[in-house]
Protein backbone atom coordinates (compact mmCIF):
# COMPACT_ATOMS: atom_id res chain seq x y z
CA MET A 1 -128.06 -0.45 194.31
CA LYS A 2 -127.26 2.61 192.12
CA ILE A 3 -123.75 2.91 193.59
CA PHE A 4 -123.08 -0.83 192.88
CA THR A 5 -124.31 -0.31 189.24
CA LEU A 6 -122.23 2.83 188.92
CA VAL A 7 -119.16 1.12 190.30
CA LEU A 8 -119.72 -1.79 188.00
CA VAL A 9 -120.01 0.43 184.85
CA LEU A 10 -116.98 2.45 185.79
CA PHE A 11 -115.06 -0.71 186.33
CA PHE A 12 -116.05 -2.03 182.79
CA LEU A 13 -115.22 1.43 181.29
CA LEU A 14 -111.86 1.45 182.93
CA ILE A 15 -111.09 -2.04 181.51
CA ALA A 16 -112.34 -1.00 178.02
CA CYS A 17 -110.21 2.20 178.03
CA THR A 18 -106.99 0.44 179.10
CA HIS A 19 -107.38 -2.37 176.61
CA THR A 20 -104.57 -2.12 174.02
CA ASN A 21 -105.18 -2.47 170.25
CA GLU A 22 -102.44 -5.17 170.12
CA ASP A 23 -104.96 -7.97 170.13
CA SER A 24 -107.28 -6.50 167.43
CA GLU A 25 -104.28 -5.57 165.28
CA GLN A 26 -103.01 -9.08 165.36
CA ASP A 27 -106.34 -10.52 164.23
CA GLN A 28 -106.50 -8.26 161.12
CA PRO A 29 -104.45 -8.80 158.01
CA THR A 30 -101.65 -6.30 157.51
CA LEU A 31 -102.66 -4.96 154.17
CA TYR A 32 -100.57 -1.84 154.36
CA SER A 33 -97.40 -3.02 156.04
CA GLN A 34 -94.32 -2.42 154.09
CA PRO A 35 -92.78 -5.57 152.59
CA SER A 36 -89.12 -6.18 153.45
CA PHE A 37 -87.97 -5.82 149.87
CA LEU A 38 -88.93 -2.16 150.04
CA ALA A 39 -86.45 -1.37 152.70
CA ILE A 40 -84.55 1.72 151.31
CA PRO A 41 -81.65 3.02 153.33
CA MET A 42 -82.26 6.64 153.97
CA ASP A 43 -78.53 7.43 154.02
CA THR A 44 -78.42 6.82 150.26
CA ILE A 45 -80.23 10.04 149.62
CA SER A 46 -77.60 12.64 148.83
CA VAL A 47 -76.92 15.40 146.30
CA LEU A 48 -77.59 14.21 142.78
CA SER A 49 -74.81 14.20 140.07
CA PRO A 50 -75.69 15.89 136.77
CA ASP A 51 -76.29 12.55 135.14
CA GLN A 52 -78.59 11.42 137.99
CA GLN A 53 -80.60 14.69 137.74
CA SER A 54 -80.74 14.35 134.01
CA ALA A 55 -82.10 10.77 134.45
CA LEU A 56 -84.76 11.91 136.77
CA ASP A 57 -85.68 14.76 134.42
CA ALA A 58 -85.96 12.20 131.49
CA LEU A 59 -88.18 9.95 133.52
CA ASN A 60 -90.38 12.91 134.21
CA THR A 61 -90.68 13.78 130.57
CA LEU A 62 -91.39 10.21 129.64
CA GLN A 63 -94.12 10.13 132.32
CA VAL A 64 -96.02 12.93 130.63
CA SER A 65 -95.17 11.88 127.18
CA THR A 66 -96.74 8.35 127.02
CA ASP A 67 -99.56 7.87 124.58
CA GLU A 68 -101.80 6.46 127.34
CA LYS A 69 -101.83 7.75 131.04
CA ASN A 70 -100.14 5.77 133.77
CA ARG A 71 -97.99 3.67 131.46
CA LEU A 72 -94.82 5.08 133.32
CA TYR A 73 -95.05 7.00 136.53
CA SER A 74 -93.19 7.63 139.79
CA THR A 75 -94.33 7.50 143.33
CA PHE A 76 -92.75 8.11 146.68
CA ALA A 77 -89.97 5.60 147.40
CA GLY A 78 -90.89 2.49 149.40
CA ILE A 79 -94.61 2.66 149.36
CA VAL A 80 -96.83 -0.45 148.72
CA GLN A 81 -97.75 -0.33 145.00
CA PRO A 82 -101.08 -1.62 143.71
CA ALA A 83 -99.47 -4.33 141.65
CA TYR A 84 -97.97 -6.12 144.71
CA PRO A 85 -97.11 -8.70 145.53
CA PRO A 86 -94.38 -9.19 142.88
CA ASP A 87 -93.96 -12.54 141.10
CA THR A 88 -90.27 -12.10 140.70
CA MET A 89 -87.52 -9.75 142.01
CA LEU A 90 -84.57 -9.32 139.71
CA THR A 91 -81.48 -7.08 139.53
CA ILE A 92 -80.69 -5.81 135.98
CA SER A 93 -77.87 -3.83 134.66
CA GLN A 94 -78.19 -0.28 133.18
CA SER A 95 -77.80 -1.73 129.61
CA GLU A 96 -80.56 -4.31 130.26
CA LEU A 97 -82.91 -1.50 131.41
CA LEU A 98 -81.99 0.52 128.42
CA ALA A 99 -82.96 -2.32 126.12
CA ALA A 100 -86.32 -2.55 127.87
CA MET A 101 -86.76 1.31 127.88
CA LYS A 102 -86.20 1.33 124.08
CA VAL A 103 -88.86 -1.19 123.61
CA PHE A 104 -91.21 0.67 125.87
CA VAL A 105 -90.74 4.01 124.24
CA SER A 106 -91.19 2.48 120.82
CA MET A 107 -94.56 0.96 122.06
CA TYR A 108 -95.96 3.69 124.16
CA CYS A 109 -94.44 7.00 123.23
CA LYS A 110 -95.35 7.08 119.47
CA ASN A 111 -96.27 10.81 119.69
CA LEU A 112 -92.52 11.64 120.30
CA PRO A 113 -90.02 11.77 117.45
CA VAL A 114 -87.94 8.54 117.29
CA GLU A 115 -84.66 10.43 118.03
CA GLU A 116 -86.19 12.10 121.20
CA ARG A 117 -87.63 8.70 122.35
CA ASN A 118 -84.22 7.08 122.13
CA LYS A 119 -82.49 9.93 123.82
CA LEU A 120 -84.95 10.03 126.65
CA ALA A 121 -84.63 6.28 127.14
CA ALA A 122 -80.75 6.50 127.17
CA THR A 123 -80.84 9.36 129.59
CA ALA A 124 -83.47 7.87 131.95
CA VAL A 125 -81.42 4.80 132.79
CA LEU A 126 -78.34 6.88 133.95
CA ALA A 127 -79.59 7.24 137.39
CA GLN A 128 -78.01 4.04 138.73
CA THR A 129 -75.72 1.19 137.47
CA GLU A 130 -77.99 -1.47 138.55
CA TYR A 131 -81.79 -1.70 139.15
CA ARG A 132 -84.02 -3.81 141.23
CA VAL A 133 -87.14 -4.81 139.25
CA LEU A 134 -90.13 -6.24 140.83
CA VAL A 135 -92.07 -7.99 138.11
CA CYS A 136 -95.83 -8.18 138.83
CA THR A 137 -97.60 -10.16 135.94
CA ASP A 138 -101.06 -11.19 135.53
CA LYS A 139 -101.28 -14.38 137.47
CA SER A 140 -103.07 -16.12 134.56
CA ALA A 141 -100.43 -15.23 132.01
CA HIS A 142 -97.47 -17.40 131.57
CA ALA A 143 -94.28 -15.38 131.72
CA GLY A 144 -91.24 -17.38 130.71
CA TYR A 145 -87.77 -16.03 131.13
CA GLU A 146 -86.15 -17.82 128.28
CA HIS A 147 -85.71 -14.61 126.29
CA GLY A 148 -85.12 -12.25 129.15
CA ILE A 149 -87.40 -10.47 131.47
CA PRO A 150 -91.01 -10.59 130.22
CA MET A 151 -92.16 -7.16 129.14
CA THR A 152 -95.70 -7.77 130.44
CA GLY A 153 -97.54 -6.74 133.48
CA THR A 154 -96.16 -4.13 135.77
CA TRP A 155 -92.52 -3.50 136.66
CA VAL A 156 -91.81 -1.63 139.81
CA LEU A 157 -88.21 -0.21 140.16
CA PRO A 158 -88.15 0.56 143.85
CA GLY A 159 -86.04 3.21 145.48
CA VAL A 160 -84.43 4.75 142.42
CA LEU A 161 -81.73 6.89 143.84
CA GLY A 162 -83.45 6.30 147.21
CA ARG A 163 -86.03 8.99 146.11
CA ARG A 164 -88.79 7.39 144.11
CA ASP A 165 -90.37 4.23 142.86
CA VAL A 166 -90.67 4.06 139.02
CA ILE A 167 -93.62 1.95 137.70
CA ILE A 168 -93.76 0.74 134.14
CA VAL A 169 -96.99 -0.76 132.95
CA TRP A 170 -96.49 -2.91 129.86
């Protein structure tokens, strides 16, 4: 009888140990899976031009110069951001981002002199000619696009130069 019980226990242990996690992973929601819009080709990472390096330096300076913490910050490229999922995905030009950055620095970098704010904003947008913007608004707030991109909620600029995500919290 002891041998039969021992064989039965070993049999169930063997089955339990060889059971894959595929079934349990399929039953659970994938909270941390990377959305397809975050796909960043790794071959885009290359040596930076002087303008691109200046843009990243300007973003760094703005990051530590906002009047309130975490109004503008950078993270590793392609990670799932807390503001996800986005409400809208847009592509904007360098000049459109410059207009938004000027508004941002005038609102949230009041401790900097006006000339320095404008110079940092102008330099920060030089990294790319176009930017993807993931707009994550408060679901209860109505954000119309009649007058351009709403400067509310959170903007995520994913994969800037294939190196970082830039987050702007309006």
